[in-house]
Amino acid sequence: MAADDPRREPPDGGWGWAVLGACFVVTGFAYGFPKAVSVFFRALMRDFGAGYSDTAWVSSIMLAMLYGTGPVSSILVTRFGCRPVMLVGGLLASAGMVLASFATRLLELYLTAGVLTGLGLALNFQPSLIMLGLYFDRRRPLANGLAAAGSPVFLSALSPLGQQLLQRFGWRGGFLLLGGLLLHCCACGAVMRPPGPGPRPRRDSAGGAPGEAAADGGGLSLSQAPARGRARRRLLDVTVCADRAFAVYAVTKFLMALGLFVPAILLVNYAKDAGVPDADAAFLLSIVGFVDIVARPACGALAGLARLRPRVAYLFSLALLANGLTDLSSARARSYHALVAFCVAFGLSYGMVGALQFEVLMAAVGAHRFPSALGLVLLIEAVAVLIGPPSAGHLVDALKNYEIIFYLAGSEVVLAGVFMAVATNCCLRRPQDAPPSPDTEGGASDTEEDAEAQGDSEPLPAQEPGSLEALEMPNPGAGLLEPEVEAEPGPGLAPESV
């Protein structure tokens, strides 16, 4: 792939809208498909003579693969790029459901629909978010919000579709047709072409280095440059864990995942326990979904405002606080009207969290380390997801009391919001607010202020988005030396040093 101009800003449109549409579809499949498969559970229980908990492991394994294989997806994206990984992921997801239609034991369902399809969805979800960050910068919050809206839209569509397929073709025919439907992930992967070469020539503050001109003119990407004088590229940049912003975000996500999904999982049974009819109880989830569909793009547009975007971390913490307080205030809701009010408030805050979570991570670590950071965060979230909802289910079985579960879940999400706000203010603001020395830090401070005024438009163009391999940071030592070599004009500069 040809090298892109490092100074070229993301297009914020054009082919990026096609990438956004593909990301919308992939996000919908990734989050909606594991939940939509639950409509087949009763048929599976009847045919295999298994209990609900054993059958529900199909969705659990699928979700565990979606979250837990994040580092694997990061490595593959760094090595091969987004489009090949997504094409293979779409084939794996489809093959898993097709093979599951021939299963004769639950173990075979675990390996096909659970492991294979879950891995395929993971190999589509993460690369689509990475590519979205390459195409959008100024409109990135809105793009993230629109892409995140695919989750409630597909969940609202896939569940009724699965029910119709089950009634007409049985669970085997339904799995087979759903496997064909997942081939759309391959079409979405084909859309994910890297941004093209920049239309403007590269400028250099030292007057332009011959080595740079040779590299740009020859269409040489950073990943294709000779290895001499350059440290080996990391497939998974674990050094991002030492970044304080990433550490704050990772702890916040772990605390959030412990309680965020619990109310939605237990909502229907909680309403039935309160005496709400089955049809009305099931409609409560639809209310959450409808509000969620509107909240995600609206919150993304709000976060893109010039005054709010530099404070997107605080907006994220506010969404977490709103979600947690909603759980706490609704723990004793018993009437149907009170539960409807809870669903509206929960859907609004849940949509805000979904729209902002990846935007905050992009802003915290930068585009060049986002692939590795996303993979590690998803792995951390997988641990929390495997702890939170199952523990809540065991507590419900033991205590026969939903109030305590709502109190615990709300407290965990509130703690996540408070931690995010306090840690961002105390740990991440003070180094920036420290007075710079007049000799060395004054210029750097001015540069940071200019970059902030431009709305974080510089970190992404500083890398070469024409090749996703170029997003990886080189060795810190080599990274400090290379700009000095590039800035030294001279006829003897070899292209290998660029």
Protein backbone atom coordinates (compact mmCIF):
# COMPACT_ATOMS: atom_id res chain seq x y z
CA MET A 1 0.00 0.00 0.00
CA ALA A 2 1.26 3.45 -0.77
CA ALA A 3 2.27 5.72 2.02
CA ASP A 4 -0.14 8.43 2.96
CA ASP A 5 0.87 11.98 3.70
CA PRO A 6 1.51 12.20 7.43
CA ARG A 7 0.25 15.77 7.50
CA ARG A 8 -2.96 14.90 5.71
CA GLU A 9 -6.04 15.06 7.88
CA PRO A 10 -8.64 12.25 7.83
CA PRO A 11 -11.23 12.96 5.14
CA ASP A 12 -14.19 13.15 7.60
CA GLY A 13 -16.48 12.11 4.78
CA GLY A 14 -16.29 10.76 1.26
CA TRP A 15 -15.61 7.03 1.35
CA GLY A 16 -15.65 7.34 5.13
CA TRP A 17 -19.46 7.27 5.04
CA ALA A 18 -19.33 3.85 3.37
CA VAL A 19 -16.90 2.75 6.08
CA LEU A 20 -19.31 4.11 8.70
CA GLY A 21 -22.19 2.14 7.18
CA ALA A 22 -20.12 -1.05 7.26
CA CYS A 23 -19.11 -0.35 10.86
CA PHE A 24 -22.81 0.12 11.72
CA VAL A 25 -23.61 -3.34 10.33
CA VAL A 26 -20.62 -5.03 11.99
CA THR A 27 -21.37 -3.45 15.37
CA GLY A 28 -24.97 -4.59 15.08
CA PHE A 29 -23.93 -8.17 14.39
CA ALA A 30 -21.26 -8.18 17.10
CA TYR A 31 -23.51 -6.99 19.93
CA GLY A 32 -26.92 -8.12 18.70
CA PHE A 33 -26.21 -11.60 17.39
CA PRO A 34 -25.20 -13.31 20.67
CA LYS A 35 -28.39 -12.04 22.32
CA ALA A 36 -30.63 -12.84 19.36
CA VAL A 37 -29.51 -16.49 19.38
CA SER A 38 -31.29 -16.87 22.72
CA VAL A 39 -34.65 -17.22 20.91
CA PHE A 40 -33.53 -20.73 19.86
CA PHE A 41 -32.75 -21.87 23.41
CA ARG A 42 -36.08 -23.58 24.13
CA ALA A 43 -35.84 -25.64 20.95
CA LEU A 44 -32.25 -26.57 21.77
CA MET A 45 -33.22 -27.57 25.30
CA ARG A 46 -35.96 -29.80 23.94
CA ASP A 47 -33.83 -31.51 21.27
CA PHE A 48 -30.72 -32.00 23.40
CA GLY A 49 -32.47 -32.62 26.72
CA ALA A 50 -30.37 -29.92 28.41
CA GLY A 51 -31.13 -27.28 30.97
CA TYR A 52 -31.29 -23.54 30.38
CA SER A 53 -27.93 -22.84 32.01
CA ASP A 54 -26.17 -25.41 29.79
CA THR A 55 -27.81 -24.06 26.65
CA ALA A 56 -27.10 -20.44 27.58
CA TRP A 57 -23.38 -21.19 27.42
CA VAL A 58 -23.66 -20.84 23.63
CA SER A 59 -24.23 -17.09 23.95
CA SER A 60 -21.79 -16.80 26.85
CA ILE A 61 -18.98 -18.41 24.86
CA MET A 62 -19.80 -16.23 21.87
CA LEU A 63 -19.53 -13.08 24.01
CA ALA A 64 -16.38 -14.33 25.72
CA MET A 65 -14.75 -14.83 22.33
CA LEU A 66 -15.90 -11.39 21.20
CA TYR A 67 -14.25 -9.69 24.17
CA GLY A 68 -11.47 -12.09 25.11
CA THR A 69 -9.81 -12.37 21.70
CA GLY A 70 -9.17 -8.63 21.51
CA PRO A 71 -5.35 -8.94 21.68
CA VAL A 72 -5.41 -11.64 18.98
CA SER A 73 -7.41 -9.35 16.72
CA SER A 74 -4.97 -6.49 17.41
CA ILE A 75 -2.01 -8.64 16.41
CA LEU A 76 -3.69 -9.81 13.21
CA VAL A 77 -4.73 -6.28 12.24
CA THR A 78 -1.19 -5.01 12.79
CA ARG A 79 0.27 -7.87 10.77
CA PHE A 80 -2.19 -8.13 7.86
CA GLY A 81 -4.42 -5.01 7.93
CA CYS A 82 -8.12 -4.52 8.55
CA ARG A 83 -9.64 -5.73 5.28
CA PRO A 84 -8.07 -9.24 5.16
CA VAL A 85 -8.83 -9.83 8.84
CA MET A 86 -12.47 -8.81 8.40
CA LEU A 87 -12.92 -10.99 5.31
CA VAL A 88 -11.59 -14.03 7.17
CA GLY A 89 -13.70 -13.11 10.20
CA GLY A 90 -16.87 -12.98 8.14
CA LEU A 91 -16.16 -16.42 6.71
CA LEU A 92 -15.48 -17.84 10.18
CA ALA A 93 -18.66 -16.34 11.63
CA SER A 94 -20.75 -17.73 8.78
CA ALA A 95 -19.06 -21.14 8.86
CA GLY A 96 -19.66 -21.42 12.60
CA MET A 97 -23.44 -21.05 12.26
CA VAL A 98 -23.60 -23.31 9.19
CA LEU A 99 -21.69 -26.06 11.00
CA ALA A 100 -23.83 -25.54 14.11
CA SER A 101 -26.92 -26.46 12.09
CA PHE A 102 -25.51 -29.99 11.82
CA ALA A 103 -24.62 -30.31 15.52
CA THR A 104 -25.75 -33.42 17.40
CA ARG A 105 -24.39 -32.48 20.83
CA LEU A 106 -24.16 -29.31 22.89
CA LEU A 107 -20.38 -29.54 22.84
CA GLU A 108 -20.47 -29.21 19.08
CA LEU A 109 -22.64 -26.11 19.45
CA TYR A 110 -20.13 -24.66 21.90
CA LEU A 111 -17.29 -25.15 19.40
CA THR A 112 -19.15 -23.96 16.30
CA ALA A 113 -21.74 -21.32 17.21
CA GLY A 114 -19.80 -20.32 20.33
CA VAL A 115 -16.08 -20.39 19.55
CA LEU A 116 -16.01 -20.15 15.74
CA THR A 117 -18.78 -17.60 15.28
CA GLY A 118 -17.62 -15.59 18.28
CA LEU A 119 -14.08 -15.44 16.90
CA GLY A 120 -15.39 -14.37 13.50
CA LEU A 121 -17.44 -11.56 15.03
CA ALA A 122 -14.41 -10.42 17.03
CA LEU A 123 -12.26 -10.30 13.89
CA ASN A 124 -14.86 -8.00 12.32
CA PHE A 125 -15.73 -5.75 15.25
CA GLN A 126 -12.31 -4.45 16.27
CA PRO A 127 -10.89 -3.75 12.78
CA SER A 128 -14.04 -1.82 11.84
CA LEU A 129 -13.52 0.55 14.78
CA ILE A 130 -9.86 1.01 13.87
CA MET A 131 -10.71 1.87 10.27
CA LEU A 132 -13.42 4.27 11.43
CA GLY A 133 -10.79 6.19 13.37
CA LEU A 134 -8.67 6.53 10.24
CA TYR A 135 -11.48 8.13 8.23
CA PHE A 136 -12.91 10.47 10.87
CA ASP A 137 -11.30 12.99 13.16
CA ARG A 138 -13.35 16.19 13.40
CA ARG A 139 -16.61 14.21 13.11
CA ARG A 140 -15.30 11.17 14.98
CA PRO A 141 -17.65 11.47 18.00
CA LEU A 142 -20.67 11.59 15.68
CA ALA A 143 -19.30 8.69 13.63
CA ASN A 144 -18.78 6.61 16.77
CA GLY A 145 -22.31 7.38 17.92
CA LEU A 146 -23.85 6.41 14.59
CA ALA A 147 -21.82 3.20 14.42
CA ALA A 148 -22.78 2.30 17.98
CA ALA A 149 -26.45 2.68 17.08
CA GLY A 150 -26.13 -0.53 15.09
CA SER A 151 -26.28 -2.52 18.32
CA PRO A 152 -29.88 -1.66 19.37
CA VAL A 153 -31.10 -1.56 15.76
CA PHE A 154 -29.86 -5.06 14.97
CA LEU A 155 -30.96 -6.42 18.33
CA SER A 156 -34.49 -5.16 17.63
CA ALA A 157 -34.43 -6.74 14.16
CA LEU A 158 -32.56 -10.01 14.73
CA SER A 159 -34.71 -11.27 17.61
CA PRO A 160 -38.02 -11.19 15.65
CA LEU A 161 -36.22 -12.55 12.58
CA GLY A 162 -34.85 -15.46 14.60
CA GLN A 163 -38.32 -16.19 15.95
CA GLN A 164 -39.77 -16.32 12.43
CA LEU A 165 -36.97 -18.55 11.21
CA LEU A 166 -37.50 -20.89 14.15
CA GLN A 167 -41.22 -21.21 13.45
CA ARG A 168 -40.81 -21.85 9.71
CA PHE A 169 -37.57 -23.82 9.43
CA GLY A 170 -36.72 -25.03 12.92
CA TRP A 171 -33.52 -24.22 14.76
CA ARG A 172 -31.33 -26.07 12.23
CA GLY A 173 -32.76 -24.19 9.25
CA GLY A 174 -32.61 -20.96 11.25
CA PHE A 175 -28.92 -21.43 12.06
CA LEU A 176 -28.20 -22.21 8.42
CA LEU A 177 -29.92 -19.05 7.19
CA LEU A 178 -28.31 -16.92 9.89
CA GLY A 179 -24.96 -18.26 8.75
CA GLY A 180 -25.73 -16.97 5.28
CA LEU A 181 -26.76 -13.63 6.77
CA LEU A 182 -23.38 -13.32 8.49
CA LEU A 183 -21.68 -13.35 5.09
CA HIS A 184 -22.63 -9.67 4.95
CA CYS A 185 -19.63 -9.19 7.26
CA CYS A 186 -17.43 -10.11 4.28
CA ALA A 187 -19.07 -7.38 2.22
CA CYS A 188 -18.43 -4.94 5.07
CA GLY A 189 -14.81 -6.04 5.16
CA ALA A 190 -14.42 -5.42 1.45
CA VAL A 191 -15.46 -1.80 2.04
CA MET A 192 -12.60 -1.22 4.48
CA ARG A 193 -9.96 0.10 2.11
CA PRO A 194 -7.24 2.22 3.74
CA PRO A 195 -7.27 5.97 3.08
CA GLY A 196 -5.47 6.82 -0.16
CA PRO A 197 -2.29 8.86 -0.58
CA GLY A 198 -2.51 12.48 0.42
CA PRO A 199 -2.97 15.00 -2.36
CA ARG A 200 -0.49 17.48 -0.90
CA PRO A 201 3.31 17.08 -0.89
CA ARG A 202 4.88 16.57 2.48
CA ARG A 203 6.34 19.68 4.07
CA ASP A 204 9.29 19.73 6.42
CA SER A 205 10.20 22.48 8.86
CA ALA A 206 13.88 22.17 7.94
CA GLY A 207 13.22 22.83 4.28
CA GLY A 208 12.50 19.30 3.12
CA ALA A 209 14.79 16.31 3.41
CA PRO A 210 15.82 14.40 0.30
CA GLY A 211 15.17 11.13 2.05
CA GLU A 212 11.56 12.13 2.70
CA ALA A 213 11.01 13.08 -0.91
CA ALA A 214 12.38 9.76 -2.05
CA ALA A 215 10.14 7.83 0.29
CA ASP A 216 7.01 9.77 -0.62
CA GLY A 217 7.69 9.84 -4.33
CA GLY A 218 8.32 6.13 -4.49
CA GLY A 219 5.12 5.28 -2.66
CA LEU A 220 7.08 3.48 0.09
CA SER A 221 5.08 2.78 3.22
CA LEU A 222 6.65 2.70 6.64
CA SER A 223 6.05 -1.03 6.88
CA GLN A 224 7.88 -1.54 3.56
CA ALA A 225 10.94 0.51 4.53
CA PRO A 226 14.21 -1.37 4.99
CA ALA A 227 14.64 -2.75 8.47
CA ARG A 228 18.22 -1.47 8.82
CA GLY A 229 18.45 1.16 11.56
CA ARG A 230 14.87 0.62 12.70
CA ALA A 231 13.61 -1.31 15.70
CA ARG A 232 11.36 -4.28 15.03
CA ARG A 233 7.70 -3.36 14.90
CA ARG A 234 5.53 -4.57 17.77
CA LEU A 235 2.50 -6.63 16.82
CA LEU A 236 0.89 -5.80 20.19
CA ASP A 237 2.06 -2.63 21.87
CA VAL A 238 1.76 -3.61 25.54
CA THR A 239 3.66 -0.46 26.54
CA VAL A 240 0.31 1.31 26.32
CA CYS A 241 -0.42 -0.21 29.73
CA ALA A 242 2.13 2.21 31.23
CA ASP A 243 0.11 5.17 29.94
CA ARG A 244 -1.78 6.76 32.81
CA ALA A 245 -4.71 7.68 30.60
CA PHE A 246 -5.05 4.07 29.46
CA ALA A 247 -4.77 2.78 33.04
CA VAL A 248 -7.56 5.10 34.17
CA TYR A 249 -9.76 4.03 31.28
CA ALA A 250 -9.07 0.31 31.82
CA VAL A 251 -10.00 0.46 35.51
CA THR A 252 -13.13 2.43 34.64
CA LYS A 253 -14.19 -0.13 32.02
CA PHE A 254 -13.64 -3.03 34.42
CA LEU A 255 -15.80 -1.44 37.13
CA MET A 256 -18.40 -0.42 34.56
CA ALA A 257 -18.67 -3.89 33.00
CA LEU A 258 -19.30 -5.46 36.40
CA GLY A 259 -22.69 -3.77 36.69
CA LEU A 260 -23.67 -2.10 33.42
CA PHE A 261 -25.29 -5.12 31.76
CA VAL A 262 -26.92 -6.63 34.85
CA PRO A 263 -30.18 -4.58 34.91
CA ALA A 264 -30.90 -5.22 31.24
CA ILE A 265 -30.37 -8.97 31.72
CA LEU A 266 -32.63 -9.19 34.78
CA LEU A 267 -35.21 -6.58 33.76
CA VAL A 268 -37.83 -8.94 32.28
CA ASN A 269 -37.70 -11.40 35.18
CA TYR A 270 -37.71 -8.52 37.66
CA ALA A 271 -40.88 -7.13 36.06
CA LYS A 272 -42.57 -10.54 36.07
CA ASP A 273 -41.67 -10.96 39.74
CA ALA A 274 -43.38 -7.61 40.39
CA GLY A 275 -46.61 -8.93 38.83
CA VAL A 276 -46.29 -7.39 35.35
CA PRO A 277 -47.83 -9.56 32.56
CA ASP A 278 -45.39 -11.41 30.35
CA ALA A 279 -46.11 -9.41 27.18
CA ASP A 280 -45.75 -6.09 29.00
CA ALA A 281 -42.57 -7.26 30.69
CA ALA A 282 -41.02 -8.22 27.35
CA PHE A 283 -41.97 -4.81 25.90
CA LEU A 284 -39.79 -3.10 28.52
CA LEU A 285 -36.67 -4.22 26.68
CA SER A 286 -38.10 -2.77 23.47
CA ILE A 287 -38.48 0.58 25.23
CA VAL A 288 -34.81 0.44 26.25
CA GLY A 289 -33.84 -0.39 22.67
CA PHE A 290 -35.88 2.41 21.09
CA VAL A 291 -34.46 5.03 23.44
CA ASP A 292 -30.97 3.61 22.94
CA ILE A 293 -31.28 3.98 19.15
CA VAL A 294 -31.95 7.70 19.51
CA ALA A 295 -29.50 8.34 22.37
CA ARG A 296 -26.35 7.01 20.71
CA PRO A 297 -26.15 9.26 17.61
CA ALA A 298 -27.51 12.22 19.58
CA CYS A 299 -24.81 11.83 22.22
CA GLY A 300 -22.18 11.39 19.54
CA ALA A 301 -23.22 14.68 17.94
CA LEU A 302 -23.19 16.36 21.37
CA ALA A 303 -19.69 15.09 22.13
CA GLY A 304 -18.46 16.51 18.83
CA LEU A 305 -19.22 20.09 19.85
CA ALA A 306 -16.13 22.26 20.15
CA ARG A 307 -16.69 23.06 23.82
CA LEU A 308 -17.45 19.51 24.90
CA ARG A 309 -14.99 17.44 22.89
CA PRO A 310 -11.91 18.35 24.98
CA ARG A 311 -13.95 17.26 28.03
CA VAL A 312 -15.33 14.03 26.56
CA ALA A 313 -13.89 12.03 29.49
CA TYR A 314 -16.04 14.03 31.92
CA LEU A 315 -19.07 13.55 29.67
CA PHE A 316 -18.40 9.81 29.77
CA SER A 317 -18.18 9.85 33.56
CA LEU A 318 -21.44 11.82 33.69
CA ALA A 319 -23.14 9.13 31.56
CA LEU A 320 -21.86 6.45 33.94
CA LEU A 321 -23.13 8.38 36.95
CA ALA A 322 -26.54 8.82 35.33
CA ASN A 323 -26.74 5.10 34.56
CA GLY A 324 -25.70 4.04 38.05
CA LEU A 325 -28.04 6.47 39.79
CA THR A 326 -30.87 5.22 37.57
CA ASP A 327 -30.26 1.68 38.84
CA LEU A 328 -30.11 2.85 42.46
CA SER A 329 -33.26 4.96 42.28
CA SER A 330 -35.26 2.23 40.53
CA ALA A 331 -34.32 -0.67 42.78
CA ARG A 332 -37.72 -0.52 44.48
CA ALA A 333 -39.79 0.21 41.37
CA ARG A 334 -42.74 -2.20 41.38
CA SER A 335 -45.44 -0.56 39.26
CA TYR A 336 -45.41 -0.81 35.49
CA HIS A 337 -45.29 2.99 35.04
CA ALA A 338 -42.24 3.20 37.32
CA LEU A 339 -40.55 0.46 35.32
CA VAL A 340 -41.30 2.30 32.06
CA ALA A 341 -39.71 5.45 33.50
CA PHE A 342 -36.70 3.38 34.54
CA CYS A 343 -36.39 1.95 30.99
CA VAL A 344 -36.44 5.42 29.44
CA ALA A 345 -33.78 6.74 31.82
CA PHE A 346 -31.71 3.57 31.56
CA GLY A 347 -31.89 3.52 27.74
CA LEU A 348 -30.79 7.16 27.57
CA SER A 349 -27.80 6.72 29.88
CA TYR A 350 -26.91 3.33 28.41
CA GLY A 351 -26.90 4.85 24.91
CA MET A 352 -24.64 7.67 26.09
CA VAL A 353 -22.16 5.18 27.52
CA GLY A 354 -22.21 3.12 24.32
CA ALA A 355 -21.65 6.16 22.12
CA LEU A 356 -18.75 7.57 24.15
CA GLN A 357 -16.76 4.55 25.32
CA PHE A 358 -14.54 4.11 22.26
CA GLU A 359 -14.29 7.84 21.57
CA VAL A 360 -12.78 8.28 25.04
CA LEU A 361 -10.26 5.52 24.37
CA MET A 362 -9.25 7.03 21.02
CA ALA A 363 -8.75 10.41 22.65
CA ALA A 364 -6.79 8.89 25.54
CA VAL A 365 -4.19 6.82 23.66
CA GLY A 366 -4.18 8.30 20.15
CA ALA A 367 -4.84 6.62 16.83
CA HIS A 368 -1.39 5.02 16.55
CA ARG A 369 -1.88 2.94 19.72
CA PHE A 370 -5.64 2.47 19.48
CA PRO A 371 -5.50 -1.06 17.91
CA SER A 372 -3.41 -2.46 20.76
CA ALA A 373 -5.28 -0.50 23.43
CA LEU A 374 -8.67 -1.68 22.15
CA GLY A 375 -7.58 -5.31 22.19
CA LEU A 376 -6.32 -5.09 25.77
CA VAL A 377 -9.43 -3.24 26.95
CA LEU A 378 -11.73 -5.84 25.44
CA LEU A 379 -9.77 -8.55 27.24
CA ILE A 380 -10.19 -6.71 30.54
CA GLU A 381 -13.89 -6.24 29.83
CA ALA A 382 -14.25 -9.96 29.09
CA VAL A 383 -13.07 -10.77 32.61
CA ALA A 384 -15.56 -8.35 34.13
CA VAL A 385 -18.43 -9.63 31.97
CA LEU A 386 -17.71 -13.18 33.07
CA ILE A 387 -17.78 -12.05 36.72
CA GLY A 388 -20.64 -9.52 36.92
CA PRO A 389 -23.77 -11.00 35.29
CA PRO A 390 -23.16 -14.62 36.41
CA SER A 391 -22.57 -13.46 39.98
CA ALA A 392 -25.80 -11.45 39.86
CA GLY A 393 -27.68 -14.52 38.67
CA HIS A 394 -26.32 -16.62 41.53
CA LEU A 395 -27.28 -13.91 44.04
CA VAL A 396 -30.83 -13.81 42.67
CA ASP A 397 -31.11 -17.57 43.02
CA ALA A 398 -29.76 -17.45 46.56
CA LEU A 399 -31.53 -14.36 47.93
CA LYS A 400 -34.68 -14.26 45.78
CA ASN A 401 -34.35 -10.47 45.90
CA TYR A 402 -33.77 -8.21 42.92
CA GLU A 403 -33.35 -5.01 44.94
CA ILE A 404 -29.92 -5.97 46.21
CA ILE A 405 -28.78 -6.77 42.67
CA PHE A 406 -29.86 -3.35 41.41
CA TYR A 407 -28.12 -1.67 44.34
CA LEU A 408 -24.89 -3.56 43.68
CA ALA A 409 -24.97 -2.96 39.93
CA GLY A 410 -25.76 0.74 40.36
CA SER A 411 -23.01 1.16 42.94
CA GLU A 412 -20.42 -0.40 40.64
CA VAL A 413 -21.35 1.87 37.73
CA VAL A 414 -21.43 4.96 39.97
CA LEU A 415 -18.00 4.02 41.31
CA ALA A 416 -16.73 3.75 37.73
CA GLY A 417 -18.06 7.22 36.90
CA VAL A 418 -16.62 8.81 40.03
CA PHE A 419 -13.26 7.15 39.48
CA MET A 420 -13.13 8.32 35.86
CA ALA A 421 -13.87 11.94 36.77
CA VAL A 422 -11.57 12.12 39.80
CA ALA A 423 -8.67 10.27 38.16
CA THR A 424 -8.94 12.38 35.00
CA ASN A 425 -8.89 15.59 37.02
CA CYS A 426 -6.16 14.56 39.47
CA CYS A 427 -3.86 12.31 37.46
CA LEU A 428 -4.21 13.59 33.92
CA ARG A 429 -4.78 17.32 34.27
CA ARG A 430 -2.02 18.32 36.70
CA PRO A 431 0.96 17.53 34.45
CA GLN A 432 -0.61 19.64 31.72
CA ASP A 433 -1.41 22.49 34.09
CA ALA A 434 2.11 22.60 35.52
CA PRO A 435 3.93 25.85 34.57
CA PRO A 436 6.44 25.19 31.79
CA SER A 437 10.05 26.23 32.07
CA PRO A 438 10.90 29.28 29.95
CA ASP A 439 13.73 27.54 28.11
CA THR A 440 12.42 24.17 27.00
CA GLU A 441 8.76 23.68 27.76
CA GLY A 442 7.28 26.92 26.55
CA GLY A 443 7.22 25.90 22.93
CA ALA A 444 5.83 22.49 23.75
CA SER A 445 3.03 24.06 25.76
CA ASP A 446 2.11 26.32 22.90
CA THR A 447 2.09 23.36 20.57
CA GLU A 448 -0.21 21.43 22.89
CA GLU A 449 -2.59 24.38 23.11
CA ASP A 450 -2.67 24.67 19.33
CA ALA A 451 -3.33 20.96 19.00
CA GLU A 452 -6.15 21.15 21.52
CA ALA A 453 -7.67 24.08 19.69
CA GLN A 454 -7.68 22.05 16.50
CA GLY A 455 -9.75 19.35 18.18
CA ASP A 456 -7.16 16.55 18.29
CA SER A 457 -6.56 16.73 14.57
CA GLU A 458 -2.79 16.29 14.82
CA PRO A 459 -2.17 12.90 16.49
CA LEU A 460 -3.81 10.90 13.68
CA PRO A 461 -2.15 12.67 10.72
CA ALA A 462 1.21 12.33 12.48
CA GLN A 463 1.13 8.64 11.48
CA GLU A 464 0.82 7.18 8.01
CA PRO A 465 -2.71 5.79 7.74
CA GLY A 466 -2.10 4.31 4.33
CA SER A 467 -0.83 1.19 6.08
CA LEU A 468 -2.24 -0.02 9.36
CA GLU A 469 1.14 -1.47 10.17
CA ALA A 470 2.41 2.08 10.29
CA LEU A 471 0.12 2.78 13.22
CA GLU A 472 2.43 0.88 15.57
CA MET A 473 4.91 2.99 17.49
CA PRO A 474 8.57 2.16 16.80
CA ASN A 475 11.14 1.68 19.50
CA PRO A 476 11.24 4.85 21.65
CA GLY A 477 14.94 5.19 21.08
CA ALA A 478 14.62 4.87 17.35
CA GLY A 479 11.64 7.20 17.33
CA LEU A 480 13.70 9.96 18.94
CA LEU A 481 16.53 9.60 16.46
CA GLU A 482 14.56 9.40 13.24
CA PRO A 483 13.11 12.94 13.27
CA GLU A 484 16.63 14.29 13.79
CA VAL A 485 17.88 12.36 10.77
CA GLU A 486 14.96 13.52 8.67
CA ALA A 487 15.53 17.15 9.60
CA GLU A 488 19.16 17.16 8.53
CA PRO A 489 19.39 18.20 4.87
CA GLY A 490 22.25 16.79 2.93
CA PRO A 491 22.96 15.11 -0.34
CA GLY A 492 24.30 11.98 1.32
CA LEU A 493 21.13 11.07 3.20
CA ALA A 494 20.13 7.52 2.36
CA PRO A 495 16.47 6.55 1.93
CA GLU A 496 16.94 3.77 4.47
CA SER A 497 17.18 6.35 7.27
CA VAL A 498 13.68 7.62 6.60
